[in-house]
Every structure is written in structure tokens, then in C-alpha cells.
Amino acid sequence: MSEAVQPLGGSAFDGLVHLSEAPLQGMITLRADLSDAAVKKAIKAATGQTMPDIRGASVQEEQGVLWMSPDEAMLLVPYAEVDAALAKLTKSLGKVHALAVNVSDARAMFSLRGPAAREVIAKLAPVDMAPGAFEPGMVRRTRFAQVAGAFWMEDQETVHVVCFRSVARYMFDLLSVASDPASAVDFF
């Protein structure tokens, strides 16, 4: 069996923000009726977090739940525990109509830390990043230039970005260019 590795080997860049490739993260895509009490209970059992509201993120360290669409959630668990979490989720769902898939190795994740995190995201994604419009605990699926991705704020200066592993280098390069101090706008 092969050993899992980060797509970019832990790449980092310092500019307007500290951009870093996040360590491997367990990710489970769950398609189901997210308003179903049994689904909410299964999510809580698998992640320790409650199902957030629409466009919400309920994340504590490596465990969490991201609302991705009316019938889709992304569950975050420690990478080493993803198979156990998936088994627990599947068992908890019982006969509920749902689909749960381990997508950990198909995704890449990046963290942006610093006061200009909002600005870096605003340069690349068509999302209102103004304080009050986008806050910690919110998630968005969107496009970053030419690729699909999702992001959420951990706090006022920390944003996490998820994309397909196949475009990890492109995403890292986009975020690096948008983080270049020479491109500072200081809008926020």
C-alpha cells in the first residue's frame, strides 16, 4: 500500500498572508437530506460537530461539517481516522437514503493566515468578503479564477481553501500571486 503525501509536499509562501499547504485532511462527501434528524445525528456521531445552517461551517481543528449544497455536506475528520469515521457514519445512517464517500485523497487544502486574508480571497473569487458580509463560520463554494473550490473562515485572519488535488499547483500559484505584497490593495 502506498503512503499518502501532500500534493505539493507542504509548500508555503509568505506575502500579504502566510499561505501554506495544509496537512492531509480526512474528507467525506455526504449526499443526503440534511434536514433529516437521523442524518444530523449521524453527522454529529462521525465528526463531533453539529450540522450548520445554510452556507455554514462548523469546524473545530480537524473535525467539522461544511454545508456544500441543500443535499451535500463535507465532513472533516483527522486523516488517519477517515475510514473509521466513514464506517461509523454508514452504520449510523442505517437505511437512510444517503451516499457517503471518502474524498480525502482527491482534495488539497490550503490555509491563509494574516490580516489580508480577506483581500487575497476577494482578488480571486466572486464573493463579497467585506466584514459583515462574510464571517467566520461561513463557507462558500465558488470559482477561483479557472478552478472550482470552497473556502471558510476559521477566524478574522484565517481562511481555509479546498480544491481538487489535480489543480493544487494552480490553486497554490493563484493564491501566491494574489498574496504578493506588490499587489496589495488594502481594501479591507
C-alpha atoms as a PDB file:
ATOM      1  CA  MET A   1       0.000   0.000   0.000  1.00  0.00           C
ATOM      2  CA  SER A   2       1.365   3.414  -0.900  1.00  0.00           C
ATOM      3  CA  GLU A   3       1.945   6.175   1.620  1.00  0.00           C
ATOM      4  CA  ALA A   4      -0.271   9.251   1.366  1.00  0.00           C
ATOM      5  CA  VAL A   5       1.525  12.522   0.679  1.00  0.00           C
ATOM      6  CA  GLN A   6       0.521  16.148   0.359  1.00  0.00           C
ATOM      7  CA  PRO A   7       0.046  17.146  -3.292  1.00  0.00           C
ATOM      8  CA  LEU A   8       2.740  19.859  -3.125  1.00  0.00           C
ATOM      9  CA  GLY A   9       4.923  18.445  -0.358  1.00  0.00           C
ATOM     10  CA  GLY A  10       3.946  21.079   2.209  1.00  0.00           C
ATOM     11  CA  SER A  11       4.545  24.185   0.069  1.00  0.00           C
ATOM     12  CA  ALA A  12       4.377  27.611   1.724  1.00  0.00           C
ATOM     13  CA  PHE A  13       4.628  31.271   0.680  1.00  0.00           C
ATOM     14  CA  ASP A  14       4.936  34.439   2.756  1.00  0.00           C
ATOM     15  CA  GLY A  15       3.487  37.650   1.396  1.00  0.00           C
ATOM     16  CA  LEU A  16       0.376  39.593   2.383  1.00  0.00           C
ATOM     17  CA  VAL A  17      -0.556  36.398   4.235  1.00  0.00           C
ATOM     18  CA  HIS A  18       1.230  33.232   5.232  1.00  0.00           C
ATOM     19  CA  LEU A  19      -0.004  30.703   2.671  1.00  0.00           C
ATOM     20  CA  SER A  20       0.611  27.049   3.445  1.00  0.00           C
ATOM     21  CA  GLU A  21      -0.477  23.727   2.127  1.00  0.00           C
ATOM     22  CA  ALA A  22      -2.424  22.143   4.970  1.00  0.00           C
ATOM     23  CA  PRO A  23      -1.502  18.721   6.308  1.00  0.00           C
ATOM     24  CA  LEU A  24      -3.506  15.785   4.977  1.00  0.00           C
ATOM     25  CA  GLN A  25      -7.152  16.144   5.969  1.00  0.00           C
ATOM     26  CA  GLY A  26      -9.808  13.447   6.104  1.00  0.00           C
ATOM     27  CA  MET A  27     -12.810  14.489   3.988  1.00  0.00           C
ATOM     28  CA  ILE A  28     -16.094  12.687   3.452  1.00  0.00           C
ATOM     29  CA  THR A  29     -18.690  13.916   0.972  1.00  0.00           C
ATOM     30  CA  LEU A  30     -22.181  13.141   2.234  1.00  0.00           C
ATOM     31  CA  ARG A  31     -25.207  13.436  -0.053  1.00  0.00           C
ATOM     32  CA  ALA A  32     -28.475  13.168   1.867  1.00  0.00           C
ATOM     33  CA  ASP A  33     -31.462  15.119   3.158  1.00  0.00           C
ATOM     34  CA  LEU A  34     -29.505  17.367   5.543  1.00  0.00           C
ATOM     35  CA  SER A  35     -32.675  18.336   7.415  1.00  0.00           C
ATOM     36  CA  ASP A  36     -33.345  14.691   8.379  1.00  0.00           C
ATOM     37  CA  ALA A  37     -32.861  14.135  12.133  1.00  0.00           C
ATOM     38  CA  ALA A  38     -31.167  10.767  11.518  1.00  0.00           C
ATOM     39  CA  VAL A  39     -28.680  12.398   9.120  1.00  0.00           C
ATOM     40  CA  LYS A  40     -27.907  15.164  11.623  1.00  0.00           C
ATOM     41  CA  LYS A  41     -27.378  12.568  14.341  1.00  0.00           C
ATOM     42  CA  ALA A  42     -25.048  10.528  12.106  1.00  0.00           C
ATOM     43  CA  ILE A  43     -23.020  13.647  11.239  1.00  0.00           C
ATOM     44  CA  LYS A  44     -22.651  14.507  14.922  1.00  0.00           C
ATOM     45  CA  ALA A  45     -21.571  10.933  15.725  1.00  0.00           C
ATOM     46  CA  ALA A  46     -18.949  10.919  12.950  1.00  0.00           C
ATOM     47  CA  THR A  47     -17.471  14.398  13.474  1.00  0.00           C
ATOM     48  CA  GLY A  48     -18.464  15.595  16.932  1.00  0.00           C
ATOM     49  CA  GLN A  49     -19.903  18.704  15.267  1.00  0.00           C
ATOM     50  CA  THR A  50     -23.481  19.704  14.574  1.00  0.00           C
ATOM     51  CA  MET A  51     -24.841  20.285  11.083  1.00  0.00           C
ATOM     52  CA  PRO A  52     -24.544  24.035  10.373  1.00  0.00           C
ATOM     53  CA  ASP A  53     -27.175  26.208   8.741  1.00  0.00           C
ATOM     54  CA  ILE A  54     -27.167  27.027   5.026  1.00  0.00           C
ATOM     55  CA  ARG A  55     -23.705  28.189   3.860  1.00  0.00           C
ATOM     56  CA  GLY A  56     -22.350  27.419   7.323  1.00  0.00           C
ATOM     57  CA  ALA A  57     -19.179  25.826   8.633  1.00  0.00           C
ATOM     58  CA  SER A  58     -18.967  24.115  11.985  1.00  0.00           C
ATOM     59  CA  VAL A  59     -15.271  23.270  12.387  1.00  0.00           C
ATOM     60  CA  GLN A  60     -13.019  22.679  15.387  1.00  0.00           C
ATOM     61  CA  GLU A  61      -9.425  21.861  14.417  1.00  0.00           C
ATOM     62  CA  GLU A  62      -9.505  18.724  12.195  1.00  0.00           C
ATOM     63  CA  GLN A  63     -13.189  17.906  12.827  1.00  0.00           C
ATOM     64  CA  GLY A  64     -16.076  19.648  11.209  1.00  0.00           C
ATOM     65  CA  VAL A  65     -19.000  19.922   8.845  1.00  0.00           C
ATOM     66  CA  LEU A  66     -19.283  22.237   5.850  1.00  0.00           C
ATOM     67  CA  TRP A  67     -22.643  22.927   4.192  1.00  0.00           C
ATOM     68  CA  MET A  68     -21.957  22.490   0.485  1.00  0.00           C
ATOM     69  CA  SER A  69     -25.479  22.473  -1.025  1.00  0.00           C
ATOM     70  CA  PRO A  70     -29.042  21.689   0.091  1.00  0.00           C
ATOM     71  CA  ASP A  71     -28.272  17.958  -0.094  1.00  0.00           C
ATOM     72  CA  GLU A  72     -24.485  17.866   0.376  1.00  0.00           C
ATOM     73  CA  ALA A  73     -22.124  18.255   3.308  1.00  0.00           C
ATOM     74  CA  MET A  74     -18.366  17.870   3.556  1.00  0.00           C
ATOM     75  CA  LEU A  75     -17.327  16.147   6.753  1.00  0.00           C
ATOM     76  CA  LEU A  76     -13.839  16.823   8.070  1.00  0.00           C
ATOM     77  CA  VAL A  77     -12.076  14.293  10.287  1.00  0.00           C
ATOM     78  CA  PRO A  78      -8.429  13.536  11.044  1.00  0.00           C
ATOM     79  CA  TYR A  79      -6.849  11.893   8.003  1.00  0.00           C
ATOM     80  CA  ALA A  80      -5.838   8.749   9.917  1.00  0.00           C
ATOM     81  CA  GLU A  81      -9.419   8.306  11.156  1.00  0.00           C
ATOM     82  CA  VAL A  82     -11.345   8.816   7.909  1.00  0.00           C
ATOM     83  CA  ASP A  83     -12.061   5.118   7.257  1.00  0.00           C
ATOM     84  CA  ALA A  84     -13.350   4.606  10.802  1.00  0.00           C
ATOM     85  CA  ALA A  85     -15.444   7.779  10.585  1.00  0.00           C
ATOM     86  CA  LEU A  86     -16.912   6.664   7.253  1.00  0.00           C
ATOM     87  CA  ALA A  87     -17.793   3.256   8.697  1.00  0.00           C
ATOM     88  CA  LYS A  88     -19.377   4.911  11.748  1.00  0.00           C
ATOM     89  CA  LEU A  89     -21.322   7.302   9.527  1.00  0.00           C
ATOM     90  CA  THR A  90     -22.552   4.494   7.267  1.00  0.00           C
ATOM     91  CA  LYS A  91     -23.656   2.453  10.272  1.00  0.00           C
ATOM     92  CA  SER A  92     -25.376   5.453  11.892  1.00  0.00           C
ATOM     93  CA  LEU A  93     -27.252   6.242   8.677  1.00  0.00           C
ATOM     94  CA  GLY A  94     -28.681   2.728   8.601  1.00  0.00           C
ATOM     95  CA  LYS A  95     -31.403   2.611   5.954  1.00  0.00           C
ATOM     96  CA  VAL A  96     -31.485   6.372   5.379  1.00  0.00           C
ATOM     97  CA  HIS A  97     -31.184   7.223   1.683  1.00  0.00           C
ATOM     98  CA  ALA A  98     -27.662   8.675   1.536  1.00  0.00           C
ATOM     99  CA  LEU A  99     -24.290   8.430  -0.166  1.00  0.00           C
ATOM    100  CA  ALA A 100     -21.044   8.891   1.771  1.00  0.00           C
ATOM    101  CA  VAL A 101     -17.644   8.763   0.056  1.00  0.00           C
ATOM    102  CA  ASN A 102     -14.076   9.246   1.271  1.00  0.00           C
ATOM    103  CA  VAL A 103     -12.680  12.024  -0.959  1.00  0.00           C
ATOM    104  CA  SER A 104      -9.592  12.804   1.151  1.00  0.00           C
ATOM    105  CA  ASP A 105      -7.063  11.829  -1.495  1.00  0.00           C
ATOM    106  CA  ALA A 106      -8.945  13.673  -4.242  1.00  0.00           C
ATOM    107  CA  ARG A 107      -8.666  17.065  -2.500  1.00  0.00           C
ATOM    108  CA  ALA A 108      -5.990  19.559  -1.490  1.00  0.00           C
ATOM    109  CA  MET A 109      -6.317  22.147   1.265  1.00  0.00           C
ATOM    110  CA  PHE A 110      -4.543  25.452   1.865  1.00  0.00           C
ATOM    111  CA  SER A 111      -4.518  27.872   4.796  1.00  0.00           C
ATOM    112  CA  LEU A 112      -4.130  31.644   4.565  1.00  0.00           C
ATOM    113  CA  ARG A 113      -3.195  33.409   7.792  1.00  0.00           C
ATOM    114  CA  GLY A 114      -2.869  37.143   8.252  1.00  0.00           C
ATOM    115  CA  PRO A 115      -4.816  40.410   8.243  1.00  0.00           C
ATOM    116  CA  ALA A 116      -5.009  40.456   4.423  1.00  0.00           C
ATOM    117  CA  ALA A 117      -6.684  37.023   4.108  1.00  0.00           C
ATOM    118  CA  ARG A 118      -9.979  38.623   3.017  1.00  0.00           C
ATOM    119  CA  GLU A 119      -8.194  40.675   0.367  1.00  0.00           C
ATOM    120  CA  VAL A 120      -6.402  37.663  -1.119  1.00  0.00           C
ATOM    121  CA  ILE A 121      -9.673  35.714  -1.467  1.00  0.00           C
ATOM    122  CA  ALA A 122     -11.528  38.766  -2.838  1.00  0.00           C
ATOM    123  CA  LYS A 123      -8.976  39.088  -5.662  1.00  0.00           C
ATOM    124  CA  LEU A 124      -9.765  35.582  -6.896  1.00  0.00           C
ATOM    125  CA  ALA A 125     -13.358  34.666  -6.039  1.00  0.00           C
ATOM    126  CA  PRO A 126     -16.624  36.482  -6.818  1.00  0.00           C
ATOM    127  CA  VAL A 127     -17.661  36.625  -3.156  1.00  0.00           C
ATOM    128  CA  ASP A 128     -18.316  39.710  -1.022  1.00  0.00           C
ATOM    129  CA  MET A 129     -15.530  39.398   1.541  1.00  0.00           C
ATOM    130  CA  ALA A 130     -16.406  42.564   3.479  1.00  0.00           C
ATOM    131  CA  PRO A 131     -16.678  42.148   7.240  1.00  0.00           C
ATOM    132  CA  GLY A 132     -20.344  41.574   7.978  1.00  0.00           C
ATOM    133  CA  ALA A 133     -20.953  40.018   4.553  1.00  0.00           C
ATOM    134  CA  PHE A 134     -18.617  37.054   5.107  1.00  0.00           C
ATOM    135  CA  GLU A 135     -17.679  35.996   8.623  1.00  0.00           C
ATOM    136  CA  PRO A 136     -16.103  33.086  10.478  1.00  0.00           C
ATOM    137  CA  GLY A 137     -18.450  30.121  10.439  1.00  0.00           C
ATOM    138  CA  MET A 138     -19.449  30.705   6.822  1.00  0.00           C
ATOM    139  CA  VAL A 139     -18.475  28.610   3.779  1.00  0.00           C
ATOM    140  CA  ARG A 140     -18.691  29.260   0.059  1.00  0.00           C
ATOM    141  CA  ARG A 141     -18.323  27.065  -2.993  1.00  0.00           C
ATOM    142  CA  THR A 142     -17.093  29.185  -5.828  1.00  0.00           C
ATOM    143  CA  ARG A 143     -14.526  29.588  -8.563  1.00  0.00           C
ATOM    144  CA  PHE A 144     -11.002  30.817  -8.037  1.00  0.00           C
ATOM    145  CA  ALA A 145     -10.070  32.126 -11.482  1.00  0.00           C
ATOM    146  CA  GLN A 146     -10.445  28.967 -13.622  1.00  0.00           C
ATOM    147  CA  VAL A 147     -10.994  26.284 -10.961  1.00  0.00           C
ATOM    148  CA  ALA A 148     -13.703  25.231  -8.565  1.00  0.00           C
ATOM    149  CA  GLY A 149     -13.055  25.408  -4.855  1.00  0.00           C
ATOM    150  CA  ALA A 150     -14.560  26.113  -1.475  1.00  0.00           C
ATOM    151  CA  PHE A 151     -13.392  28.180   1.468  1.00  0.00           C
ATOM    152  CA  TRP A 152     -14.337  29.036   5.025  1.00  0.00           C
ATOM    153  CA  MET A 153     -13.047  31.396   7.678  1.00  0.00           C
ATOM    154  CA  GLU A 154     -11.729  30.000  10.927  1.00  0.00           C
ATOM    155  CA  ASP A 155     -11.364  33.484  12.431  1.00  0.00           C
ATOM    156  CA  GLN A 156     -10.990  37.055  11.146  1.00  0.00           C
ATOM    157  CA  GLU A 157      -7.471  36.368   9.821  1.00  0.00           C
ATOM    158  CA  THR A 158      -7.591  32.685   8.825  1.00  0.00           C
ATOM    159  CA  VAL A 159      -9.154  31.225   5.684  1.00  0.00           C
ATOM    160  CA  HIS A 160      -9.029  27.594   4.551  1.00  0.00           C
ATOM    161  CA  VAL A 161      -9.374  26.719   0.855  1.00  0.00           C
ATOM    162  CA  VAL A 162     -10.215  23.284  -0.565  1.00  0.00           C
ATOM    163  CA  CYS A 163      -9.869  22.303  -4.218  1.00  0.00           C
ATOM    164  CA  PHE A 164      -9.408  19.200  -6.317  1.00  0.00           C
ATOM    165  CA  ARG A 165      -5.967  17.671  -5.896  1.00  0.00           C
ATOM    166  CA  SER A 166      -5.451  17.753  -9.669  1.00  0.00           C
ATOM    167  CA  VAL A 167      -5.390  21.579  -9.605  1.00  0.00           C
ATOM    168  CA  ALA A 168      -3.442  22.003  -6.355  1.00  0.00           C
ATOM    169  CA  ARG A 169      -0.401  23.590  -8.044  1.00  0.00           C
ATOM    170  CA  TYR A 170      -2.610  26.015  -9.984  1.00  0.00           C
ATOM    171  CA  MET A 171      -4.509  26.991  -6.811  1.00  0.00           C
ATOM    172  CA  PHE A 172      -1.295  27.463  -4.830  1.00  0.00           C
ATOM    173  CA  ASP A 173       0.153  29.641  -7.581  1.00  0.00           C
ATOM    174  CA  LEU A 174      -3.063  31.723  -7.778  1.00  0.00           C
ATOM    175  CA  LEU A 175      -3.059  32.283  -4.031  1.00  0.00           C
ATOM    176  CA  SER A 176       0.668  33.120  -4.089  1.00  0.00           C
ATOM    177  CA  VAL A 177       0.265  35.756  -6.811  1.00  0.00           C
ATOM    178  CA  ALA A 178      -2.741  37.270  -5.009  1.00  0.00           C
ATOM    179  CA  SER A 179      -0.607  37.318  -1.833  1.00  0.00           C
ATOM    180  CA  ASP A 180       2.291  39.176  -3.438  1.00  0.00           C
ATOM    181  CA  PRO A 181       2.909  42.357  -1.409  1.00  0.00           C
ATOM    182  CA  ALA A 182       3.344  44.321  -4.651  1.00  0.00           C
ATOM    183  CA  SER A 183      -0.348  43.652  -5.412  1.00  0.00           C
ATOM    184  CA  ALA A 184      -1.680  44.970  -2.084  1.00  0.00           C
ATOM    185  CA  VAL A 185      -4.929  46.919  -2.363  1.00  0.00           C
ATOM    186  CA  ASP A 186      -5.690  47.340   1.361  1.00  0.00           C
ATOM    187  CA  PHE A 187      -9.416  47.455   0.647  1.00  0.00           C
ATOM    188  CA  PHE A 188     -10.473  45.693   3.839  1.00  0.00           C
END
